[in-house]
Amino acid sequence: MNPKEIERFFKGVAKDFPEDATVYLTGAAAGALMGGVRPSLDVDFGVELKGANSKRWGQLTAAVEKN
């Protein structure tokens, strides 16, 4: 993934899941945003939801899978 693909992915997720969350980008995708060139086809990340419950996690999962 390159920076434009990563940005497009997270913009799509944000559109489909407009809730307060903190995203922690890791792996090759994080490296790509910092100028690394290691190829990768996925985006590794963690999410911290504010006031999370099982319904919101399900909505987030659906948004990620859609994008």
PDB file of N, CA and C in Angstrom:
ATOM      1  N   MET A   1       0.844  -1.178   0.000  1.00  0.00           N
ATOM      2  CA  MET A   1       0.000   0.000   0.000  1.00  0.00           C
ATOM      3  C   MET A   1       0.892   1.244   0.000  1.00  0.00           C
ATOM      4  N   ASN A   2       0.446   2.229  -0.716  1.00  0.00           N
ATOM      5  CA  ASN A   2       1.163   3.496  -0.704  1.00  0.00           C
ATOM      6  C   ASN A   2       0.333   4.516   0.084  1.00  0.00           C
ATOM      7  N   PRO A   3       0.912   5.679   0.388  1.00  0.00           N
ATOM      8  CA  PRO A   3       0.188   6.667   1.201  1.00  0.00           C
ATOM      9  C   PRO A   3      -1.190   7.051   0.653  1.00  0.00           C
ATOM     10  N   LYS A   4      -1.338   7.165  -0.650  1.00  0.00           N
ATOM     11  CA  LYS A   4      -2.648   7.526  -1.216  1.00  0.00           C
ATOM     12  C   LYS A   4      -3.679   6.427  -0.975  1.00  0.00           C
ATOM     13  N   GLU A   5      -3.270   5.173  -1.109  1.00  0.00           N
ATOM     14  CA  GLU A   5      -4.192   4.053  -0.864  1.00  0.00           C
ATOM     15  C   GLU A   5      -4.589   3.986   0.606  1.00  0.00           C
ATOM     16  N   ILE A   6      -3.636   4.234   1.484  1.00  0.00           N
ATOM     17  CA  ILE A   6      -3.905   4.231   2.924  1.00  0.00           C
ATOM     18  C   ILE A   6      -4.889   5.344   3.270  1.00  0.00           C
ATOM     19  N   GLU A   7      -4.659   6.530   2.724  1.00  0.00           N
ATOM     20  CA  GLU A   7      -5.557   7.652   2.976  1.00  0.00           C
ATOM     21  C   GLU A   7      -6.966   7.360   2.453  1.00  0.00           C
ATOM     22  N   ARG A   8      -7.057   6.803   1.262  1.00  0.00           N
ATOM     23  CA  ARG A   8      -8.360   6.471   0.674  1.00  0.00           C
ATOM     24  C   ARG A   8      -9.099   5.449   1.551  1.00  0.00           C
ATOM     25  N   PHE A   9      -8.377   4.452   2.049  1.00  0.00           N
ATOM     26  CA  PHE A   9      -8.977   3.447   2.916  1.00  0.00           C
ATOM     27  C   PHE A   9      -9.565   4.086   4.169  1.00  0.00           C
ATOM     28  N   PHE A  10      -8.765   4.898   4.872  1.00  0.00           N
ATOM     29  CA  PHE A  10      -9.245   5.479   6.122  1.00  0.00           C
ATOM     30  C   PHE A  10     -10.318   6.546   5.904  1.00  0.00           C
ATOM     31  N   LYS A  11     -10.278   7.255   4.800  1.00  0.00           N
ATOM     32  CA  LYS A  11     -11.366   8.191   4.495  1.00  0.00           C
ATOM     33  C   LYS A  11     -12.671   7.436   4.277  1.00  0.00           C
ATOM     34  N   GLY A  12     -12.595   6.294   3.604  1.00  0.00           N
ATOM     35  CA  GLY A  12     -13.780   5.481   3.401  1.00  0.00           C
ATOM     36  C   GLY A  12     -14.327   4.945   4.711  1.00  0.00           C
ATOM     37  N   VAL A  13     -13.439   4.474   5.583  1.00  0.00           N
ATOM     38  CA  VAL A  13     -13.874   3.977   6.890  1.00  0.00           C
ATOM     39  C   VAL A  13     -14.516   5.111   7.681  1.00  0.00           C
ATOM     40  N   ALA A  14     -13.898   6.284   7.670  1.00  0.00           N
ATOM     41  CA  ALA A  14     -14.429   7.430   8.422  1.00  0.00           C
ATOM     42  C   ALA A  14     -15.804   7.845   7.901  1.00  0.00           C
ATOM     43  N   LYS A  15     -16.002   7.753   6.605  1.00  0.00           N
ATOM     44  CA  LYS A  15     -17.309   8.098   6.029  1.00  0.00           C
ATOM     45  C   LYS A  15     -18.383   7.113   6.508  1.00  0.00           C
ATOM     46  N   ASP A  16     -18.024   5.839   6.560  1.00  0.00           N
ATOM     47  CA  ASP A  16     -18.977   4.801   6.942  1.00  0.00           C
ATOM     48  C   ASP A  16     -19.098   4.621   8.452  1.00  0.00           C
ATOM     49  N   PHE A  17     -18.150   5.159   9.207  1.00  0.00           N
ATOM     50  CA  PHE A  17     -18.170   5.038  10.664  1.00  0.00           C
ATOM     51  C   PHE A  17     -17.747   6.376  11.278  1.00  0.00           C
ATOM     52  N   PRO A  18     -18.645   7.370  11.292  1.00  0.00           N
ATOM     53  CA  PRO A  18     -18.294   8.714  11.774  1.00  0.00           C
ATOM     54  C   PRO A  18     -18.377   8.831  13.301  1.00  0.00           C
ATOM     55  N   GLU A  19     -17.598   8.045  14.001  1.00  0.00           N
ATOM     56  CA  GLU A  19     -17.575   8.047  15.464  1.00  0.00           C
ATOM     57  C   GLU A  19     -16.192   8.444  15.948  1.00  0.00           C
ATOM     58  N   ASP A  20     -16.108   8.882  17.207  1.00  0.00           N
ATOM     59  CA  ASP A  20     -14.818   9.222  17.796  1.00  0.00           C
ATOM     60  C   ASP A  20     -13.994   7.962  18.012  1.00  0.00           C
ATOM     61  N   ALA A  21     -12.795   7.960  17.463  1.00  0.00           N
ATOM     62  CA  ALA A  21     -11.896   6.821  17.620  1.00  0.00           C
ATOM     63  C   ALA A  21     -10.463   7.292  17.428  1.00  0.00           C
ATOM     64  N   THR A  22      -9.550   6.575  18.046  1.00  0.00           N
ATOM     65  CA  THR A  22      -8.126   6.789  17.826  1.00  0.00           C
ATOM     66  C   THR A  22      -7.600   5.581  17.074  1.00  0.00           C
ATOM     67  N   VAL A  23      -6.888   5.819  15.978  1.00  0.00           N
ATOM     68  CA  VAL A  23      -6.332   4.742  15.167  1.00  0.00           C
ATOM     69  C   VAL A  23      -4.825   4.722  15.355  1.00  0.00           C
ATOM     70  N   TYR A  24      -4.289   3.528  15.576  1.00  0.00           N
ATOM     71  CA  TYR A  24      -2.852   3.327  15.709  1.00  0.00           C
ATOM     72  C   TYR A  24      -2.387   2.531  14.497  1.00  0.00           C
ATOM     73  N   LEU A  25      -1.697   3.191  13.589  1.00  0.00           N
ATOM     74  CA  LEU A  25      -1.213   2.565  12.374  1.00  0.00           C
ATOM     75  C   LEU A  25       0.122   1.890  12.666  1.00  0.00           C
ATOM     76  N   THR A  26       0.277   0.640  12.223  1.00  0.00           N
ATOM     77  CA  THR A  26       1.499  -0.121  12.477  1.00  0.00           C
ATOM     78  C   THR A  26       1.984  -0.774  11.186  1.00  0.00           C
ATOM     79  N   GLY A  27       3.053  -1.504  11.280  1.00  0.00           N
ATOM     80  CA  GLY A  27       3.551  -2.295  10.162  1.00  0.00           C
ATOM     81  C   GLY A  27       4.021  -1.488   8.972  1.00  0.00           C
ATOM     82  N   ALA A  28       3.971  -2.131   7.809  1.00  0.00           N
ATOM     83  CA  ALA A  28       4.474  -1.514   6.579  1.00  0.00           C
ATOM     84  C   ALA A  28       3.694  -0.267   6.190  1.00  0.00           C
ATOM     85  N   ALA A  29       2.392  -0.224   6.518  1.00  0.00           N
ATOM     86  CA  ALA A  29       1.601   0.964   6.190  1.00  0.00           C
ATOM     87  C   ALA A  29       2.117   2.179   6.955  1.00  0.00           C
ATOM     88  N   ALA A  30       2.457   1.992   8.231  1.00  0.00           N
ATOM     89  CA  ALA A  30       3.034   3.095   9.008  1.00  0.00           C
ATOM     90  C   ALA A  30       4.365   3.510   8.395  1.00  0.00           C
ATOM     91  N   GLY A  31       5.158   2.535   8.009  1.00  0.00           N
ATOM     92  CA  GLY A  31       6.437   2.835   7.367  1.00  0.00           C
ATOM     93  C   GLY A  31       6.257   3.579   6.057  1.00  0.00           C
ATOM     94  N   ALA A  32       5.229   3.216   5.291  1.00  0.00           N
ATOM     95  CA  ALA A  32       4.975   3.891   4.014  1.00  0.00           C
ATOM     96  C   ALA A  32       4.694   5.373   4.226  1.00  0.00           C
ATOM     97  N   LEU A  33       3.971   5.701   5.305  1.00  0.00           N
ATOM     98  CA  LEU A  33       3.673   7.105   5.584  1.00  0.00           C
ATOM     99  C   LEU A  33       4.911   7.868   6.055  1.00  0.00           C
ATOM    100  N   MET A  34       5.903   7.119   6.538  1.00  0.00           N
ATOM    101  CA  MET A  34       7.148   7.750   6.982  1.00  0.00           C
ATOM    102  C   MET A  34       8.245   7.644   5.928  1.00  0.00           C
ATOM    103  N   GLY A  35       7.877   7.237   4.709  1.00  0.00           N
ATOM    104  CA  GLY A  35       8.829   7.207   3.607  1.00  0.00           C
ATOM    105  C   GLY A  35       9.426   5.847   3.317  1.00  0.00           C
ATOM    106  N   GLY A  36       9.006   4.821   4.026  1.00  0.00           N
ATOM    107  CA  GLY A  36       9.511   3.478   3.771  1.00  0.00           C
ATOM    108  C   GLY A  36       8.968   2.926   2.469  1.00  0.00           C
ATOM    109  N   VAL A  37       9.638   1.933   1.929  1.00  0.00           N
ATOM    110  CA  VAL A  37       9.219   1.380   0.641  1.00  0.00           C
ATOM    111  C   VAL A  37       8.948  -0.122   0.696  1.00  0.00           C
ATOM    112  N   ARG A  38       8.924  -0.721   1.881  1.00  0.00           N
ATOM    113  CA  ARG A  38       8.658  -2.160   1.985  1.00  0.00           C
ATOM    114  C   ARG A  38       7.249  -2.436   1.457  1.00  0.00           C
ATOM    115  N   PRO A  39       7.104  -3.274   0.456  1.00  0.00           N
ATOM    116  CA  PRO A  39       5.778  -3.527  -0.113  1.00  0.00           C
ATOM    117  C   PRO A  39       4.869  -4.296   0.835  1.00  0.00           C
ATOM    118  N   SER A  40       3.598  -3.958   0.796  1.00  0.00           N
ATOM    119  CA  SER A  40       2.600  -4.640   1.600  1.00  0.00           C
ATOM    120  C   SER A  40       1.242  -4.460   0.936  1.00  0.00           C
ATOM    121  N   LEU A  41       0.379  -5.453   1.092  1.00  0.00           N
ATOM    122  CA  LEU A  41      -0.952  -5.375   0.500  1.00  0.00           C
ATOM    123  C   LEU A  41      -2.037  -5.135   1.529  1.00  0.00           C
ATOM    124  N   ASP A  42      -1.641  -4.979   2.799  1.00  0.00           N
ATOM    125  CA  ASP A  42      -2.638  -4.769   3.839  1.00  0.00           C
ATOM    126  C   ASP A  42      -2.272  -3.559   4.690  1.00  0.00           C
ATOM    127  N   VAL A  43      -3.205  -3.180   5.544  1.00  0.00           N
ATOM    128  CA  VAL A  43      -2.994  -2.087   6.486  1.00  0.00           C
ATOM    129  C   VAL A  43      -3.184  -2.662   7.887  1.00  0.00           C
ATOM    130  N   ASP A  44      -2.113  -2.643   8.666  1.00  0.00           N
ATOM    131  CA  ASP A  44      -2.197  -3.108  10.049  1.00  0.00           C
ATOM    132  C   ASP A  44      -2.468  -1.916  10.946  1.00  0.00           C
ATOM    133  N   PHE A  45      -3.502  -2.036  11.796  1.00  0.00           N
ATOM    134  CA  PHE A  45      -3.834  -0.933  12.679  1.00  0.00           C
ATOM    135  C   PHE A  45      -4.640  -1.424  13.865  1.00  0.00           C
ATOM    136  N   GLY A  46      -4.634  -0.621  14.905  1.00  0.00           N
ATOM    137  CA  GLY A  46      -5.466  -0.853  16.075  1.00  0.00           C
ATOM    138  C   GLY A  46      -6.404   0.330  16.236  1.00  0.00           C
ATOM    139  N   VAL A  47      -7.514   0.115  16.927  1.00  0.00           N
ATOM    140  CA  VAL A  47      -8.504   1.170  17.120  1.00  0.00           C
ATOM    141  C   VAL A  47      -8.923   1.216  18.577  1.00  0.00           C
ATOM    142  N   GLU A  48      -9.009   2.426  19.092  1.00  0.00           N
ATOM    143  CA  GLU A  48      -9.550   2.655  20.431  1.00  0.00           C
ATOM    144  C   GLU A  48     -10.813   3.490  20.265  1.00  0.00           C
ATOM    145  N   LEU A  49     -11.960   2.892  20.581  1.00  0.00           N
ATOM    146  CA  LEU A  49     -13.229   3.607  20.481  1.00  0.00           C
ATOM    147  C   LEU A  49     -13.550   4.279  21.807  1.00  0.00           C
ATOM    148  N   LYS A  50     -14.134   5.439  21.730  1.00  0.00           N
ATOM    149  CA  LYS A  50     -14.591   6.140  22.935  1.00  0.00           C
ATOM    150  C   LYS A  50     -15.945   5.573  23.327  1.00  0.00           C
ATOM    151  N   GLY A  51     -16.086   5.053  24.532  1.00  0.00           N
ATOM    152  CA  GLY A  51     -17.359   4.500  24.995  1.00  0.00           C
ATOM    153  C   GLY A  51     -17.815   3.316  24.163  1.00  0.00           C
ATOM    154  N   ALA A  52     -16.905   2.402  23.859  1.00  0.00           N
ATOM    155  CA  ALA A  52     -17.208   1.289  22.967  1.00  0.00           C
ATOM    156  C   ALA A  52     -18.223   0.322  23.564  1.00  0.00           C
ATOM    157  N   ASN A  53     -19.039  -0.222  22.681  1.00  0.00           N
ATOM    158  CA  ASN A  53     -19.917  -1.335  23.026  1.00  0.00           C
ATOM    159  C   ASN A  53     -19.948  -2.274  21.833  1.00  0.00           C
ATOM    160  N   SER A  54     -20.553  -3.430  21.996  1.00  0.00           N
ATOM    161  CA  SER A  54     -20.502  -4.442  20.942  1.00  0.00           C
ATOM    162  C   SER A  54     -21.153  -3.970  19.644  1.00  0.00           C
ATOM    163  N   LYS A  55     -22.199  -3.170  19.719  1.00  0.00           N
ATOM    164  CA  LYS A  55     -22.852  -2.661  18.503  1.00  0.00           C
ATOM    165  C   LYS A  55     -21.897  -1.769  17.710  1.00  0.00           C
ATOM    166  N   ARG A  56     -21.201  -0.889  18.411  1.00  0.00           N
ATOM    167  CA  ARG A  56     -20.266   0.013  17.721  1.00  0.00           C
ATOM    168  C   ARG A  56     -19.109  -0.756  17.106  1.00  0.00           C
ATOM    169  N   TRP A  57     -18.634  -1.803  17.779  1.00  0.00           N
ATOM    170  CA  TRP A  57     -17.551  -2.620  17.204  1.00  0.00           C
ATOM    171  C   TRP A  57     -18.038  -3.297  15.931  1.00  0.00           C
ATOM    172  N   GLY A  58     -19.260  -3.756  15.941  1.00  0.00           N
ATOM    173  CA  GLY A  58     -19.836  -4.373  14.743  1.00  0.00           C
ATOM    174  C   GLY A  58     -19.939  -3.386  13.592  1.00  0.00           C
ATOM    175  N   GLN A  59     -20.330  -2.156  13.902  1.00  0.00           N
ATOM    176  CA  GLN A  59     -20.428  -1.114  12.873  1.00  0.00           C
ATOM    177  C   GLN A  59     -19.043  -0.780  12.308  1.00  0.00           C
ATOM    178  N   LEU A  60     -18.056  -0.719  13.188  1.00  0.00           N
ATOM    179  CA  LEU A  60     -16.687  -0.444  12.735  1.00  0.00           C
ATOM    180  C   LEU A  60     -16.185  -1.584  11.857  1.00  0.00           C
ATOM    181  N   THR A  61     -16.421  -2.811  12.268  1.00  0.00           N
ATOM    182  CA  THR A  61     -15.993  -3.962  11.480  1.00  0.00           C
ATOM    183  C   THR A  61     -16.609  -3.921  10.088  1.00  0.00           C
ATOM    184  N   ALA A  62     -17.889  -3.601  10.004  1.00  0.00           N
ATOM    185  CA  ALA A  62     -18.570  -3.507   8.712  1.00  0.00           C
ATOM    186  C   ALA A  62     -17.940  -2.417   7.845  1.00  0.00           C
ATOM    187  N   ALA A  63     -17.596  -1.278   8.437  1.00  0.00           N
ATOM    188  CA  ALA A  63     -16.980  -0.181   7.693  1.00  0.00           C
ATOM    189  C   ALA A  63     -15.609  -0.585   7.167  1.00  0.00           C
ATOM    190  N   VAL A  64     -14.831  -1.282   7.987  1.00  0.00           N
ATOM    191  CA  VAL A  64     -13.498  -1.733   7.563  1.00  0.00           C
ATOM    192  C   VAL A  64     -13.631  -2.743   6.434  1.00  0.00           C
ATOM    193  N   GLU A  65     -14.518  -3.716   6.580  1.00  0.00           N
ATOM    194  CA  GLU A  65     -14.684  -4.735   5.545  1.00  0.00           C
ATOM    195  C   GLU A  65     -15.174  -4.150   4.233  1.00  0.00           C
ATOM    196  N   LYS A  66     -15.982  -3.111   4.299  1.00  0.00           N
ATOM    197  CA  LYS A  66     -16.505  -2.458   3.091  1.00  0.00           C
ATOM    198  C   LYS A  66     -15.395  -1.760   2.306  1.00  0.00           C
ATOM    199  N   ASN A  67     -14.432  -1.215   3.030  1.00  0.00           N
ATOM    200  CA  ASN A  67     -13.391  -0.422   2.397  1.00  0.00           C
ATOM    201  C   ASN A  67     -12.131  -1.222   2.168  1.00  0.00           C
TER     202      ASN A  67
END
